[in-house]
Amino acid sequence: QAVQLLGLETIRSVVAMSSFLCEFEDTPGLASVLDKLGQRSMEIATLAAEIIVNEGGSDEQRSYALSAGLLSHVGSLLLLANFPESFQAICAICDDDGASIVDAERTVLKETHAAIGAYLLSLWGFPDPVVEAVLYHHRPSAEQSISFGPTSAVHVAQALAKIPPNEPNADAIIASNLDMKHLAVLGKVERLPQWRKLSIQLFEKRERI
């Protein structure tokens, strides 16, 4: 019943993410970080799926977006588990200099959590749309897609999901965290207010639970 309701790829993604979190849950000092990563991944996945539906995407695209959102930070989990000192250095650069997580990762490791996660998912046999969405979710223009799909949806979701409803500078923050050129090429810039509403609705729904 779960497979029929959610789709096989979504179930695979939930199992993969849960397995990762369980693997490290007893590691001292990681509990709070793992909790935040797990929660953020779920928020991105839920919003990305809603955006795809809102844009008239297929059930398959919705499944891919949900899977990619859930697994968008699997590379961060690998870094945290295997290179904790580097991970802390990356966080410090973000906090002290205001750098983006991607720029901080390139400074410290010469690679990003997106690339690491995508490589792992490709080894695990996940479908190309899921792997590509994880790989390009911070820089969708690099995918050179001419249509709005899972990669675009996850990119938008990861930017919107972290902004609370009452943020006074929401518009400026959104613009600075999104690949506006990519959205312009796809003719989707005017859809941002609607996606923001979806994000707020999901935020308020979580608060009521």
C-alpha atoms as a PDB file:
ATOM      1  CA  GLN A   1       0.000   0.000   0.000  1.00  0.00           C
ATOM      2  CA  ALA A   2       2.855   2.378   0.811  1.00  0.00           C
ATOM      3  CA  VAL A   3       4.491   1.739  -2.570  1.00  0.00           C
ATOM      4  CA  GLN A   4       1.189   2.321  -4.357  1.00  0.00           C
ATOM      5  CA  LEU A   5       0.593   5.549  -2.458  1.00  0.00           C
ATOM      6  CA  LEU A   6       4.083   7.059  -2.497  1.00  0.00           C
ATOM      7  CA  GLY A   7       5.823   5.312  -5.382  1.00  0.00           C
ATOM      8  CA  LEU A   8       8.783   2.956  -5.368  1.00  0.00           C
ATOM      9  CA  GLU A   9      11.435   5.665  -5.768  1.00  0.00           C
ATOM     10  CA  THR A  10      10.073   7.597  -2.800  1.00  0.00           C
ATOM     11  CA  ILE A  11      10.134   4.476  -0.634  1.00  0.00           C
ATOM     12  CA  ARG A  12      13.729   3.780  -1.710  1.00  0.00           C
ATOM     13  CA  SER A  13      14.691   7.334  -0.815  1.00  0.00           C
ATOM     14  CA  VAL A  14      13.038   7.190   2.601  1.00  0.00           C
ATOM     15  CA  VAL A  15      14.795   3.913   3.371  1.00  0.00           C
ATOM     16  CA  ALA A  16      18.165   5.275   2.189  1.00  0.00           C
ATOM     17  CA  MET A  17      17.874   8.479   4.220  1.00  0.00           C
ATOM     18  CA  SER A  18      16.607   6.648   7.309  1.00  0.00           C
ATOM     19  CA  SER A  19      19.463   4.162   7.070  1.00  0.00           C
ATOM     20  CA  PHE A  20      21.982   6.993   6.923  1.00  0.00           C
ATOM     21  CA  LEU A  21      20.506   8.730   9.937  1.00  0.00           C
ATOM     22  CA  CYS A  22      20.346   5.498  11.950  1.00  0.00           C
ATOM     23  CA  GLU A  23      23.960   4.698  11.080  1.00  0.00           C
ATOM     24  CA  PHE A  24      25.199   7.799  12.884  1.00  0.00           C
ATOM     25  CA  GLU A  25      22.534   8.401  15.527  1.00  0.00           C
ATOM     26  CA  ASP A  26      24.700   7.003  18.347  1.00  0.00           C
ATOM     27  CA  THR A  27      27.759   9.052  17.395  1.00  0.00           C
ATOM     28  CA  PRO A  28      28.502  11.577  20.171  1.00  0.00           C
ATOM     29  CA  GLY A  29      27.816  15.165  19.227  1.00  0.00           C
ATOM     30  CA  LEU A  30      25.981  14.404  15.986  1.00  0.00           C
ATOM     31  CA  ALA A  31      22.417  14.026  17.247  1.00  0.00           C
ATOM     32  CA  SER A  32      21.395  17.666  16.905  1.00  0.00           C
ATOM     33  CA  VAL A  33      23.080  18.114  13.522  1.00  0.00           C
ATOM     34  CA  LEU A  34      21.519  14.926  12.158  1.00  0.00           C
ATOM     35  CA  ASP A  35      18.125  16.026  13.396  1.00  0.00           C
ATOM     36  CA  LYS A  36      18.457  19.361  11.596  1.00  0.00           C
ATOM     37  CA  LEU A  37      19.664  17.746   8.374  1.00  0.00           C
ATOM     38  CA  GLY A  38      16.871  15.196   8.462  1.00  0.00           C
ATOM     39  CA  GLN A  39      14.220  17.818   9.133  1.00  0.00           C
ATOM     40  CA  ARG A  40      15.534  20.156   6.443  1.00  0.00           C
ATOM     41  CA  SER A  41      15.670  17.349   3.878  1.00  0.00           C
ATOM     42  CA  MET A  42      12.050  16.474   4.601  1.00  0.00           C
ATOM     43  CA  GLU A  43      10.989  20.116   4.279  1.00  0.00           C
ATOM     44  CA  ILE A  44      12.772  20.461   0.933  1.00  0.00           C
ATOM     45  CA  ALA A  45      11.250  17.211  -0.350  1.00  0.00           C
ATOM     46  CA  THR A  46       7.703  18.134   0.657  1.00  0.00           C
ATOM     47  CA  LEU A  47       7.887  21.618  -0.831  1.00  0.00           C
ATOM     48  CA  ALA A  48       9.582  20.436  -4.043  1.00  0.00           C
ATOM     49  CA  ALA A  49       6.827  17.885  -4.586  1.00  0.00           C
ATOM     50  CA  GLU A  50       4.139  20.529  -3.971  1.00  0.00           C
ATOM     51  CA  ILE A  51       5.797  22.896  -6.441  1.00  0.00           C
ATOM     52  CA  ILE A  52       5.925  20.214  -9.130  1.00  0.00           C
ATOM     53  CA  VAL A  53       2.214  19.498  -8.652  1.00  0.00           C
ATOM     54  CA  ASN A  54       1.460  23.231  -8.697  1.00  0.00           C
ATOM     55  CA  GLU A  55       3.270  23.537 -12.007  1.00  0.00           C
ATOM     56  CA  GLY A  56       1.310  20.701 -13.564  1.00  0.00           C
ATOM     57  CA  GLY A  57       4.112  18.134 -13.426  1.00  0.00           C
ATOM     58  CA  SER A  58       3.536  14.413 -13.774  1.00  0.00           C
ATOM     59  CA  ASP A  59       3.333  11.906 -10.933  1.00  0.00           C
ATOM     60  CA  GLU A  60       6.748  10.630 -12.019  1.00  0.00           C
ATOM     61  CA  GLN A  61       8.265  14.113 -11.773  1.00  0.00           C
ATOM     62  CA  ARG A  62       6.679  14.556  -8.355  1.00  0.00           C
ATOM     63  CA  SER A  63       8.225  11.274  -7.209  1.00  0.00           C
ATOM     64  CA  TYR A  64      11.648  12.299  -8.517  1.00  0.00           C
ATOM     65  CA  ALA A  65      11.424  15.723  -6.842  1.00  0.00           C
ATOM     66  CA  LEU A  66      10.384  14.169  -3.542  1.00  0.00           C
ATOM     67  CA  SER A  67      13.231  11.642  -3.710  1.00  0.00           C
ATOM     68  CA  ALA A  68      15.832  14.240  -4.654  1.00  0.00           C
ATOM     69  CA  GLY A  69      14.668  16.553  -1.880  1.00  0.00           C
ATOM     70  CA  LEU A  70      14.916  13.794   0.699  1.00  0.00           C
ATOM     71  CA  LEU A  71      18.413  12.901  -0.474  1.00  0.00           C
ATOM     72  CA  SER A  72      19.681  16.410  -1.228  1.00  0.00           C
ATOM     73  CA  HIS A  73      21.875  16.410   1.902  1.00  0.00           C
ATOM     74  CA  VAL A  74      23.158  12.845   1.785  1.00  0.00           C
ATOM     75  CA  GLY A  75      26.517  14.310   0.743  1.00  0.00           C
ATOM     76  CA  SER A  76      26.514  16.477   3.872  1.00  0.00           C
ATOM     77  CA  LEU A  77      25.942  13.376   5.984  1.00  0.00           C
ATOM     78  CA  LEU A  78      28.942  11.720   4.361  1.00  0.00           C
ATOM     79  CA  LEU A  79      31.104  14.762   5.061  1.00  0.00           C
ATOM     80  CA  LEU A  80      29.880  14.991   8.632  1.00  0.00           C
ATOM     81  CA  ALA A  81      30.554  11.315   9.305  1.00  0.00           C
ATOM     82  CA  ASN A  82      33.911  10.987   7.566  1.00  0.00           C
ATOM     83  CA  PHE A  83      35.428  14.485   7.713  1.00  0.00           C
ATOM     84  CA  PRO A  84      34.019  16.084  10.884  1.00  0.00           C
ATOM     85  CA  GLU A  85      36.838  18.630  11.206  1.00  0.00           C
ATOM     86  CA  SER A  86      36.376  19.767   7.614  1.00  0.00           C
ATOM     87  CA  PHE A  87      32.632  19.924   8.152  1.00  0.00           C
ATOM     88  CA  GLN A  88      33.136  22.180  11.182  1.00  0.00           C
ATOM     89  CA  ALA A  89      35.512  24.370   9.181  1.00  0.00           C
ATOM     90  CA  ILE A  90      32.889  24.714   6.461  1.00  0.00           C
ATOM     91  CA  CYS A  91      30.248  25.727   9.021  1.00  0.00           C
ATOM     92  CA  ALA A  92      32.649  28.251  10.528  1.00  0.00           C
ATOM     93  CA  ILE A  93      33.263  29.911   7.160  1.00  0.00           C
ATOM     94  CA  CYS A  94      29.513  30.180   6.591  1.00  0.00           C
ATOM     95  CA  ASP A  95      28.935  31.670  10.053  1.00  0.00           C
ATOM     96  CA  ASP A  96      31.928  34.014  10.139  1.00  0.00           C
ATOM     97  CA  ASP A  97      32.111  35.199   6.529  1.00  0.00           C
ATOM     98  CA  GLY A  98      28.511  34.766   5.420  1.00  0.00           C
ATOM     99  CA  ALA A  99      29.632  32.527   2.583  1.00  0.00           C
ATOM    100  CA  SER A 100      27.255  30.090   0.947  1.00  0.00           C
ATOM    101  CA  ILE A 101      27.597  26.443   1.916  1.00  0.00           C
ATOM    102  CA  VAL A 102      28.739  25.581  -1.618  1.00  0.00           C
ATOM    103  CA  ASP A 103      31.478  28.232  -1.660  1.00  0.00           C
ATOM    104  CA  ALA A 104      32.645  27.185   1.811  1.00  0.00           C
ATOM    105  CA  GLU A 105      32.806  23.535   0.753  1.00  0.00           C
ATOM    106  CA  ARG A 106      34.865  24.389  -2.310  1.00  0.00           C
ATOM    107  CA  THR A 107      37.232  26.437  -0.158  1.00  0.00           C
ATOM    108  CA  VAL A 108      37.818  23.598   2.294  1.00  0.00           C
ATOM    109  CA  LEU A 109      37.383  20.456   0.198  1.00  0.00           C
ATOM    110  CA  LYS A 110      37.452  21.602  -3.440  1.00  0.00           C
ATOM    111  CA  GLU A 111      34.133  19.757  -3.849  1.00  0.00           C
ATOM    112  CA  THR A 112      30.504  20.121  -2.735  1.00  0.00           C
ATOM    113  CA  HIS A 113      27.986  18.019  -0.847  1.00  0.00           C
ATOM    114  CA  ALA A 114      25.804  18.087  -3.971  1.00  0.00           C
ATOM    115  CA  ALA A 115      28.459  16.427  -6.134  1.00  0.00           C
ATOM    116  CA  ILE A 116      29.383  13.915  -3.438  1.00  0.00           C
ATOM    117  CA  GLY A 117      25.752  12.993  -2.836  1.00  0.00           C
ATOM    118  CA  ALA A 118      24.971  12.678  -6.542  1.00  0.00           C
ATOM    119  CA  TYR A 119      27.971  10.403  -7.081  1.00  0.00           C
ATOM    120  CA  LEU A 120      26.847   8.130  -4.247  1.00  0.00           C
ATOM    121  CA  LEU A 121      23.273   7.986  -5.557  1.00  0.00           C
ATOM    122  CA  SER A 122      24.531   7.087  -9.026  1.00  0.00           C
ATOM    123  CA  LEU A 123      26.489   4.192  -7.504  1.00  0.00           C
ATOM    124  CA  TRP A 124      23.328   3.083  -5.728  1.00  0.00           C
ATOM    125  CA  GLY A 125      21.416   3.027  -9.005  1.00  0.00           C
ATOM    126  CA  PHE A 126      18.984   5.873  -8.487  1.00  0.00           C
ATOM    127  CA  PRO A 127      17.333   7.226 -11.670  1.00  0.00           C
ATOM    128  CA  ASP A 128      19.158   9.958 -13.588  1.00  0.00           C
ATOM    129  CA  PRO A 129      16.525  12.661 -12.807  1.00  0.00           C
ATOM    130  CA  VAL A 130      17.071  12.111  -9.068  1.00  0.00           C
ATOM    131  CA  VAL A 131      20.874  12.091  -9.380  1.00  0.00           C
ATOM    132  CA  GLU A 132      20.835  15.211 -11.564  1.00  0.00           C
ATOM    133  CA  ALA A 133      18.466  17.063  -9.235  1.00  0.00           C
ATOM    134  CA  VAL A 134      20.780  16.384  -6.285  1.00  0.00           C
ATOM    135  CA  LEU A 135      23.849  17.363  -8.319  1.00  0.00           C
ATOM    136  CA  TYR A 136      22.432  20.642  -9.638  1.00  0.00           C
ATOM    137  CA  HIS A 137      20.075  21.728  -6.847  1.00  0.00           C
ATOM    138  CA  HIS A 138      22.318  24.683  -5.970  1.00  0.00           C
ATOM    139  CA  ARG A 139      23.138  25.612  -9.586  1.00  0.00           C
ATOM    140  CA  PRO A 140      20.323  24.496 -11.913  1.00  0.00           C
ATOM    141  CA  SER A 141      21.626  26.580 -14.821  1.00  0.00           C
ATOM    142  CA  ALA A 142      24.489  24.093 -15.150  1.00  0.00           C
ATOM    143  CA  GLU A 143      21.994  21.380 -16.075  1.00  0.00           C
ATOM    144  CA  GLN A 144      21.028  23.458 -19.136  1.00  0.00           C
ATOM    145  CA  SER A 145      17.455  22.257 -18.983  1.00  0.00           C
ATOM    146  CA  ILE A 146      14.791  24.068 -21.002  1.00  0.00           C
ATOM    147  CA  SER A 147      11.882  22.841 -18.886  1.00  0.00           C
ATOM    148  CA  PHE A 148      10.833  23.081 -15.242  1.00  0.00           C
ATOM    149  CA  GLY A 149      11.394  19.720 -13.587  1.00  0.00           C
ATOM    150  CA  PRO A 150      12.704  18.050 -10.411  1.00  0.00           C
ATOM    151  CA  THR A 151      16.019  19.936 -10.442  1.00  0.00           C
ATOM    152  CA  SER A 152      14.298  23.320 -10.617  1.00  0.00           C
ATOM    153  CA  ALA A 153      11.741  22.345  -7.995  1.00  0.00           C
ATOM    154  CA  VAL A 154      14.369  21.151  -5.499  1.00  0.00           C
ATOM    155  CA  HIS A 155      16.447  24.278  -6.168  1.00  0.00           C
ATOM    156  CA  VAL A 156      13.492  26.537  -5.381  1.00  0.00           C
ATOM    157  CA  ALA A 157      12.430  24.447  -2.390  1.00  0.00           C
ATOM    158  CA  GLN A 158      15.852  24.500  -0.740  1.00  0.00           C
ATOM    159  CA  ALA A 159      15.842  28.298  -0.926  1.00  0.00           C
ATOM    160  CA  LEU A 160      12.256  28.859   0.237  1.00  0.00           C
ATOM    161  CA  ALA A 161      11.940  26.178   2.915  1.00  0.00           C
ATOM    162  CA  LYS A 162      14.355  27.901   5.292  1.00  0.00           C
ATOM    163  CA  ILE A 163      12.602  31.283   5.279  1.00  0.00           C
ATOM    164  CA  PRO A 164       9.942  31.717   8.010  1.00  0.00           C
ATOM    165  CA  PRO A 165       6.590  33.320   7.074  1.00  0.00           C
ATOM    166  CA  ASN A 166       7.250  36.520   9.031  1.00  0.00           C
ATOM    167  CA  GLU A 167      10.697  37.249   7.573  1.00  0.00           C
ATOM    168  CA  PRO A 168      10.628  40.969   6.633  1.00  0.00           C
ATOM    169  CA  ASN A 169      13.426  40.650   4.070  1.00  0.00           C
ATOM    170  CA  ALA A 170      12.052  37.516   2.446  1.00  0.00           C
ATOM    171  CA  ASP A 171      12.078  38.872  -1.115  1.00  0.00           C
ATOM    172  CA  ALA A 172      15.726  39.940  -0.954  1.00  0.00           C
ATOM    173  CA  ILE A 173      16.795  36.663   0.667  1.00  0.00           C
ATOM    174  CA  ILE A 174      14.919  34.621  -1.918  1.00  0.00           C
ATOM    175  CA  ALA A 175      16.442  36.543  -4.807  1.00  0.00           C
ATOM    176  CA  SER A 176      19.950  36.154  -3.415  1.00  0.00           C
ATOM    177  CA  ASN A 177      19.574  32.399  -2.928  1.00  0.00           C
ATOM    178  CA  LEU A 178      17.918  31.518  -6.209  1.00  0.00           C
ATOM    179  CA  ASP A 179      19.340  31.131  -9.700  1.00  0.00           C
ATOM    180  CA  MET A 180      17.169  33.901 -11.134  1.00  0.00           C
ATOM    181  CA  LYS A 181      18.735  33.558 -14.589  1.00  0.00           C
ATOM    182  CA  HIS A 182      17.625  29.935 -14.686  1.00  0.00           C
ATOM    183  CA  LEU A 183      14.071  30.821 -13.670  1.00  0.00           C
ATOM    184  CA  ALA A 184      13.991  33.640 -16.212  1.00  0.00           C
ATOM    185  CA  VAL A 185      15.046  31.306 -19.027  1.00  0.00           C
ATOM    186  CA  LEU A 186      12.196  28.971 -18.057  1.00  0.00           C
ATOM    187  CA  GLY A 187       9.743  31.872 -17.786  1.00  0.00           C
ATOM    188  CA  LYS A 188       9.008  31.093 -14.140  1.00  0.00           C
ATOM    189  CA  VAL A 189      10.072  34.222 -12.245  1.00  0.00           C
ATOM    190  CA  GLU A 190       6.463  35.356 -11.883  1.00  0.00           C
ATOM    191  CA  ARG A 191       5.639  32.068 -10.137  1.00  0.00           C
ATOM    192  CA  LEU A 192       7.786  32.920  -7.105  1.00  0.00           C
ATOM    193  CA  PRO A 193       4.947  34.516  -5.074  1.00  0.00           C
ATOM    194  CA  GLN A 194       2.826  31.388  -5.523  1.00  0.00           C
ATOM    195  CA  TRP A 195       5.702  29.104  -4.477  1.00  0.00           C
ATOM    196  CA  ARG A 196       6.293  31.334  -1.459  1.00  0.00           C
ATOM    197  CA  LYS A 197       2.635  30.843  -0.482  1.00  0.00           C
ATOM    198  CA  LEU A 198       3.090  27.070  -0.717  1.00  0.00           C
ATOM    199  CA  SER A 199       6.147  27.319   1.511  1.00  0.00           C
ATOM    200  CA  ILE A 200       4.263  29.368   4.115  1.00  0.00           C
ATOM    201  CA  GLN A 201       1.316  26.972   4.059  1.00  0.00           C
ATOM    202  CA  LEU A 202       3.587  23.992   4.681  1.00  0.00           C
ATOM    203  CA  PHE A 203       5.406  25.880   7.456  1.00  0.00           C
ATOM    204  CA  GLU A 204       2.132  26.722   9.201  1.00  0.00           C
ATOM    205  CA  LYS A 205       0.919  23.136   8.787  1.00  0.00           C
ATOM    206  CA  ARG A 206       4.068  21.821  10.498  1.00  0.00           C
ATOM    207  CA  GLU A 207       3.584  24.310  13.337  1.00  0.00           C
ATOM    208  CA  ARG A 208       0.063  22.991  13.951  1.00  0.00           C
ATOM    209  CA  ILE A 209       1.187  19.363  14.195  1.00  0.00           C
END
